[in-house]
């Protein structure tokens, strides 16, 4: 697997799109870069190169990428499974109105 520093910004921006398409077809066991490319009007070679940054195994020629595994690996690469602390600033009115509504 390549490091995050070596992936282009353009490829990094496409990964969430790939993830969305793959998740829409979770019922499939395998999904090909050609299928993903057709859904997004992209070149299959571009999709294959982008996914090579995150997919630890090779895609199976003729079958593609294992759906469960590629979902997990894209989410891990993008840090979607990490828990991060956040601070909400300037939400007093929103918080107050929400609290008032919940007490009614």
N, C-alpha and C. Protein backbone atom coordinates (compact mmCIF):
# COMPACT_ATOMS: atom_id res chain seq x y z
N UNK A 1 0.85 -1.18 0.00
CA UNK A 1 0.00 0.00 0.00
C UNK A 1 0.89 1.24 0.00
N UNK A 2 0.54 2.20 -0.84
CA UNK A 2 1.28 3.45 -0.92
C UNK A 2 0.91 4.32 0.28
N UNK A 3 1.73 5.30 0.58
CA UNK A 3 1.42 6.19 1.69
C UNK A 3 0.49 7.31 1.22
N UNK A 4 -0.16 7.97 2.19
CA UNK A 4 -1.08 9.06 1.88
C UNK A 4 -0.36 10.21 1.20
N UNK A 5 0.94 10.40 1.48
CA UNK A 5 1.70 11.50 0.90
C UNK A 5 1.91 11.30 -0.60
N UNK A 6 1.83 10.09 -1.09
CA UNK A 6 2.12 9.83 -2.49
C UNK A 6 0.88 9.88 -3.38
N UNK A 7 -0.29 9.93 -2.80
CA UNK A 7 -1.51 9.98 -3.60
C UNK A 7 -1.79 11.43 -3.98
N UNK A 8 -2.25 11.64 -5.20
CA UNK A 8 -2.52 13.00 -5.65
C UNK A 8 -3.79 13.54 -4.98
N UNK A 9 -3.90 14.85 -4.94
CA UNK A 9 -5.11 15.48 -4.38
C UNK A 9 -6.34 15.06 -5.18
N UNK A 10 -6.19 15.00 -6.49
CA UNK A 10 -7.32 14.62 -7.35
C UNK A 10 -7.79 13.20 -7.01
N UNK A 11 -6.85 12.29 -6.84
CA UNK A 11 -7.20 10.90 -6.49
C UNK A 11 -7.84 10.86 -5.11
N UNK A 12 -7.31 11.63 -4.19
CA UNK A 12 -7.86 11.67 -2.83
C UNK A 12 -9.31 12.18 -2.85
N UNK A 13 -9.59 13.13 -3.72
CA UNK A 13 -10.96 13.64 -3.85
C UNK A 13 -11.91 12.63 -4.50
N UNK A 14 -11.35 11.74 -5.32
CA UNK A 14 -12.19 10.73 -5.98
C UNK A 14 -12.53 9.55 -5.07
N UNK A 15 -11.70 9.27 -4.06
CA UNK A 15 -11.93 8.11 -3.21
C UNK A 15 -13.32 8.09 -2.56
N UNK A 16 -13.82 9.20 -2.01
CA UNK A 16 -15.18 9.17 -1.45
C UNK A 16 -16.25 8.85 -2.50
N UNK A 17 -16.02 9.28 -3.74
CA UNK A 17 -16.96 8.94 -4.82
C UNK A 17 -16.95 7.44 -5.09
N UNK A 18 -15.76 6.87 -5.11
CA UNK A 18 -15.65 5.42 -5.31
C UNK A 18 -16.36 4.69 -4.17
N UNK A 19 -16.12 5.15 -2.96
CA UNK A 19 -16.72 4.53 -1.78
C UNK A 19 -18.25 4.56 -1.88
N UNK A 20 -18.79 5.69 -2.30
CA UNK A 20 -20.25 5.82 -2.44
C UNK A 20 -20.79 4.80 -3.45
N UNK A 21 -20.15 4.70 -4.60
CA UNK A 21 -20.58 3.76 -5.64
C UNK A 21 -20.48 2.33 -5.14
N UNK A 22 -19.39 2.00 -4.50
CA UNK A 22 -19.19 0.64 -3.99
C UNK A 22 -20.24 0.30 -2.94
N UNK A 23 -20.51 1.24 -2.02
CA UNK A 23 -21.52 0.99 -0.99
C UNK A 23 -22.92 0.85 -1.58
N UNK A 24 -23.18 1.53 -2.67
CA UNK A 24 -24.48 1.39 -3.34
C UNK A 24 -24.65 0.00 -3.94
N UNK A 25 -23.56 -0.72 -4.09
CA UNK A 25 -23.59 -2.06 -4.68
C UNK A 25 -22.97 -3.09 -3.72
N UNK A 26 -23.23 -2.91 -2.44
CA UNK A 26 -22.67 -3.82 -1.42
C UNK A 26 -23.13 -5.26 -1.58
N UNK A 27 -24.25 -5.45 -2.28
CA UNK A 27 -24.76 -6.81 -2.45
C UNK A 27 -23.87 -7.64 -3.38
N UNK A 28 -23.01 -6.95 -4.15
CA UNK A 28 -22.08 -7.64 -5.04
C UNK A 28 -20.90 -8.17 -4.24
N UNK A 29 -20.38 -9.32 -4.63
CA UNK A 29 -19.20 -9.86 -3.95
C UNK A 29 -17.93 -9.17 -4.44
N UNK A 30 -17.87 -8.90 -5.73
CA UNK A 30 -16.73 -8.22 -6.34
C UNK A 30 -17.24 -7.05 -7.17
N UNK A 31 -16.39 -6.02 -7.30
CA UNK A 31 -16.73 -4.87 -8.13
C UNK A 31 -15.48 -4.48 -8.91
N UNK A 32 -15.65 -4.21 -10.18
CA UNK A 32 -14.50 -3.91 -11.04
C UNK A 32 -14.27 -2.41 -11.16
N UNK A 33 -13.05 -2.07 -11.50
CA UNK A 33 -12.74 -0.66 -11.74
C UNK A 33 -13.51 -0.16 -12.97
N UNK A 34 -13.77 -1.04 -13.92
CA UNK A 34 -14.55 -0.68 -15.10
C UNK A 34 -15.97 -0.30 -14.71
N UNK A 35 -16.57 -1.07 -13.81
CA UNK A 35 -17.92 -0.78 -13.34
C UNK A 35 -17.97 0.57 -12.63
N UNK A 36 -17.02 0.80 -11.72
CA UNK A 36 -16.96 2.06 -10.97
C UNK A 36 -16.75 3.22 -11.95
N UNK A 37 -15.84 3.03 -12.91
CA UNK A 37 -15.54 4.07 -13.89
C UNK A 37 -16.78 4.44 -14.71
N UNK A 38 -17.54 3.45 -15.13
CA UNK A 38 -18.76 3.71 -15.91
C UNK A 38 -19.77 4.51 -15.08
N UNK A 39 -19.89 4.17 -13.80
CA UNK A 39 -20.83 4.87 -12.93
C UNK A 39 -20.46 6.35 -12.76
N UNK A 40 -19.16 6.64 -12.81
CA UNK A 40 -18.68 8.01 -12.58
C UNK A 40 -18.16 8.70 -13.84
N UNK A 41 -18.32 8.04 -14.99
CA UNK A 41 -17.83 8.57 -16.27
C UNK A 41 -16.33 8.89 -16.20
N UNK A 42 -15.57 7.92 -15.70
CA UNK A 42 -14.11 8.06 -15.59
C UNK A 42 -13.44 6.95 -16.40
N UNK A 43 -12.14 7.07 -16.55
CA UNK A 43 -11.35 6.05 -17.21
C UNK A 43 -11.08 4.91 -16.22
N UNK A 44 -11.33 3.66 -16.61
CA UNK A 44 -11.09 2.53 -15.70
C UNK A 44 -9.64 2.43 -15.21
N UNK A 45 -8.70 2.83 -16.03
CA UNK A 45 -7.29 2.78 -15.63
C UNK A 45 -7.03 3.77 -14.50
N UNK A 46 -7.65 4.94 -14.57
CA UNK A 46 -7.54 5.94 -13.51
C UNK A 46 -8.08 5.39 -12.20
N UNK A 47 -9.25 4.76 -12.26
CA UNK A 47 -9.86 4.17 -11.06
C UNK A 47 -8.96 3.09 -10.49
N UNK A 48 -8.44 2.24 -11.34
CA UNK A 48 -7.56 1.14 -10.89
C UNK A 48 -6.31 1.70 -10.21
N UNK A 49 -5.72 2.75 -10.79
CA UNK A 49 -4.51 3.36 -10.19
C UNK A 49 -4.83 4.00 -8.84
N UNK A 50 -5.98 4.69 -8.77
CA UNK A 50 -6.37 5.31 -7.50
C UNK A 50 -6.57 4.26 -6.42
N UNK A 51 -7.25 3.18 -6.76
CA UNK A 51 -7.54 2.15 -5.77
C UNK A 51 -6.30 1.36 -5.38
N UNK A 52 -5.28 1.38 -6.22
CA UNK A 52 -4.02 0.71 -5.90
C UNK A 52 -3.35 1.34 -4.68
N UNK A 53 -3.66 2.61 -4.40
CA UNK A 53 -3.09 3.27 -3.22
C UNK A 53 -3.67 2.72 -1.92
N UNK A 54 -4.90 2.22 -1.98
CA UNK A 54 -5.56 1.82 -0.74
C UNK A 54 -5.79 0.32 -0.62
N UNK A 55 -5.89 -0.38 -1.73
CA UNK A 55 -6.21 -1.81 -1.70
C UNK A 55 -4.95 -2.62 -1.48
N UNK A 56 -4.88 -3.32 -0.37
CA UNK A 56 -3.66 -4.05 0.01
C UNK A 56 -3.42 -5.27 -0.87
N UNK A 57 -4.48 -5.89 -1.34
CA UNK A 57 -4.37 -7.05 -2.22
C UNK A 57 -4.54 -6.59 -3.66
N UNK A 58 -4.21 -7.45 -4.57
CA UNK A 58 -4.46 -7.13 -5.98
C UNK A 58 -5.91 -7.45 -6.29
N UNK A 59 -6.49 -6.65 -7.16
CA UNK A 59 -7.82 -6.98 -7.66
C UNK A 59 -7.72 -8.26 -8.48
N UNK A 60 -8.79 -9.00 -8.55
CA UNK A 60 -8.76 -10.25 -9.32
C UNK A 60 -9.14 -9.95 -10.76
N UNK A 61 -8.23 -10.22 -11.70
CA UNK A 61 -8.55 -9.97 -13.11
C UNK A 61 -9.84 -10.69 -13.51
N UNK A 62 -10.73 -9.95 -14.14
CA UNK A 62 -12.01 -10.52 -14.54
C UNK A 62 -13.08 -10.42 -13.46
N UNK A 63 -12.67 -10.26 -12.19
CA UNK A 63 -13.62 -10.13 -11.09
C UNK A 63 -13.61 -8.76 -10.47
N UNK A 64 -12.43 -8.21 -10.25
CA UNK A 64 -12.30 -6.90 -9.63
C UNK A 64 -11.91 -6.99 -8.17
N UNK A 65 -12.41 -6.04 -7.41
CA UNK A 65 -12.05 -5.92 -6.00
C UNK A 65 -13.15 -6.53 -5.12
N UNK A 66 -12.75 -7.21 -4.06
CA UNK A 66 -13.73 -7.75 -3.12
C UNK A 66 -14.39 -6.57 -2.41
N UNK A 67 -15.71 -6.48 -2.51
CA UNK A 67 -16.47 -5.32 -2.04
C UNK A 67 -16.27 -5.05 -0.56
N UNK A 68 -16.43 -6.06 0.27
CA UNK A 68 -16.30 -5.87 1.73
C UNK A 68 -14.91 -5.34 2.08
N UNK A 69 -13.90 -5.89 1.45
CA UNK A 69 -12.52 -5.51 1.73
C UNK A 69 -12.21 -4.10 1.23
N UNK A 70 -12.63 -3.76 0.02
CA UNK A 70 -12.30 -2.44 -0.53
C UNK A 70 -13.02 -1.33 0.24
N UNK A 71 -14.24 -1.61 0.71
CA UNK A 71 -14.95 -0.62 1.53
C UNK A 71 -14.15 -0.35 2.80
N UNK A 72 -13.75 -1.41 3.46
CA UNK A 72 -12.99 -1.30 4.71
C UNK A 72 -11.67 -0.55 4.48
N UNK A 73 -10.99 -0.87 3.40
CA UNK A 73 -9.68 -0.26 3.16
C UNK A 73 -9.78 1.20 2.74
N UNK A 74 -10.81 1.58 1.98
CA UNK A 74 -10.99 2.99 1.63
C UNK A 74 -11.34 3.78 2.88
N UNK A 75 -12.26 3.25 3.69
CA UNK A 75 -12.64 3.94 4.94
C UNK A 75 -11.43 4.11 5.86
N UNK A 76 -10.61 3.08 5.96
CA UNK A 76 -9.41 3.15 6.80
C UNK A 76 -8.43 4.19 6.24
N UNK A 77 -8.22 4.18 4.96
CA UNK A 77 -7.30 5.11 4.32
C UNK A 77 -7.74 6.56 4.52
N UNK A 78 -9.05 6.80 4.41
CA UNK A 78 -9.59 8.15 4.58
C UNK A 78 -9.76 8.55 6.04
N UNK A 79 -9.53 7.60 6.96
CA UNK A 79 -9.65 7.90 8.38
C UNK A 79 -11.09 7.98 8.85
N UNK A 80 -12.00 7.34 8.14
CA UNK A 80 -13.42 7.42 8.50
C UNK A 80 -13.77 6.60 9.73
N UNK A 81 -12.89 5.71 10.13
CA UNK A 81 -13.15 4.89 11.31
C UNK A 81 -12.49 5.45 12.57
N UNK A 82 -11.81 6.58 12.42
CA UNK A 82 -11.14 7.20 13.56
C UNK A 82 -12.10 8.09 14.33
N UNK A 83 -11.94 8.13 15.61
CA UNK A 83 -12.74 9.02 16.45
C UNK A 83 -11.90 10.25 16.74
N UNK A 84 -12.46 11.41 16.43
CA UNK A 84 -11.75 12.67 16.65
C UNK A 84 -12.57 13.56 17.57
N UNK A 85 -11.89 14.29 18.43
CA UNK A 85 -12.56 15.25 19.29
C UNK A 85 -12.89 16.49 18.48
N UNK A 86 -14.01 17.13 18.82
CA UNK A 86 -14.41 18.36 18.14
C UNK A 86 -14.98 19.32 19.16
N UNK A 87 -14.86 20.58 18.86
CA UNK A 87 -15.43 21.63 19.69
C UNK A 87 -16.42 22.40 18.83
N UNK A 88 -17.62 22.60 19.35
CA UNK A 88 -18.63 23.37 18.64
C UNK A 88 -18.60 24.78 19.19
N UNK A 89 -18.36 25.74 18.31
CA UNK A 89 -18.26 27.14 18.70
C UNK A 89 -19.38 27.91 18.03
N UNK A 90 -20.02 28.79 18.79
CA UNK A 90 -21.03 29.66 18.23
C UNK A 90 -22.37 29.01 17.97
N UNK A 91 -22.71 27.99 18.72
CA UNK A 91 -23.97 27.28 18.50
C UNK A 91 -24.95 27.52 19.64
N UNK A 92 -24.80 28.62 20.35
CA UNK A 92 -25.62 28.87 21.54
C UNK A 92 -27.11 28.89 21.21
N UNK A 93 -27.49 29.66 20.18
CA UNK A 93 -28.91 29.76 19.83
C UNK A 93 -29.45 28.40 19.37
N UNK A 94 -28.69 27.73 18.57
CA UNK A 94 -29.12 26.41 18.09
C UNK A 94 -29.28 25.46 19.27
N UNK A 95 -28.30 25.43 20.16
CA UNK A 95 -28.34 24.56 21.32
C UNK A 95 -29.52 24.93 22.23
N UNK A 96 -29.72 26.22 22.46
CA UNK A 96 -30.79 26.68 23.33
C UNK A 96 -32.16 26.30 22.77
N UNK A 97 -32.37 26.51 21.48
CA UNK A 97 -33.67 26.19 20.89
C UNK A 97 -33.89 24.67 20.87
N UNK A 98 -32.85 23.91 20.67
CA UNK A 98 -32.96 22.46 20.71
C UNK A 98 -33.31 21.99 22.11
N UNK A 99 -32.63 22.56 23.10
CA UNK A 99 -32.90 22.18 24.49
C UNK A 99 -34.32 22.54 24.89
N UNK A 100 -34.79 23.73 24.49
CA UNK A 100 -36.15 24.16 24.82
C UNK A 100 -37.18 23.24 24.18
N UNK A 101 -36.93 22.86 22.93
CA UNK A 101 -37.88 21.98 22.23
C UNK A 101 -37.95 20.60 22.88
N UNK A 102 -36.81 20.11 23.36
CA UNK A 102 -36.80 18.78 23.96
C UNK A 102 -37.44 18.75 25.33
N UNK A 103 -37.59 19.92 25.97
CA UNK A 103 -38.21 19.97 27.30
C UNK A 103 -39.72 20.11 27.20
N UNK A 104 -40.25 20.40 26.01
CA UNK A 104 -41.69 20.62 25.85
C UNK A 104 -42.42 19.31 25.86
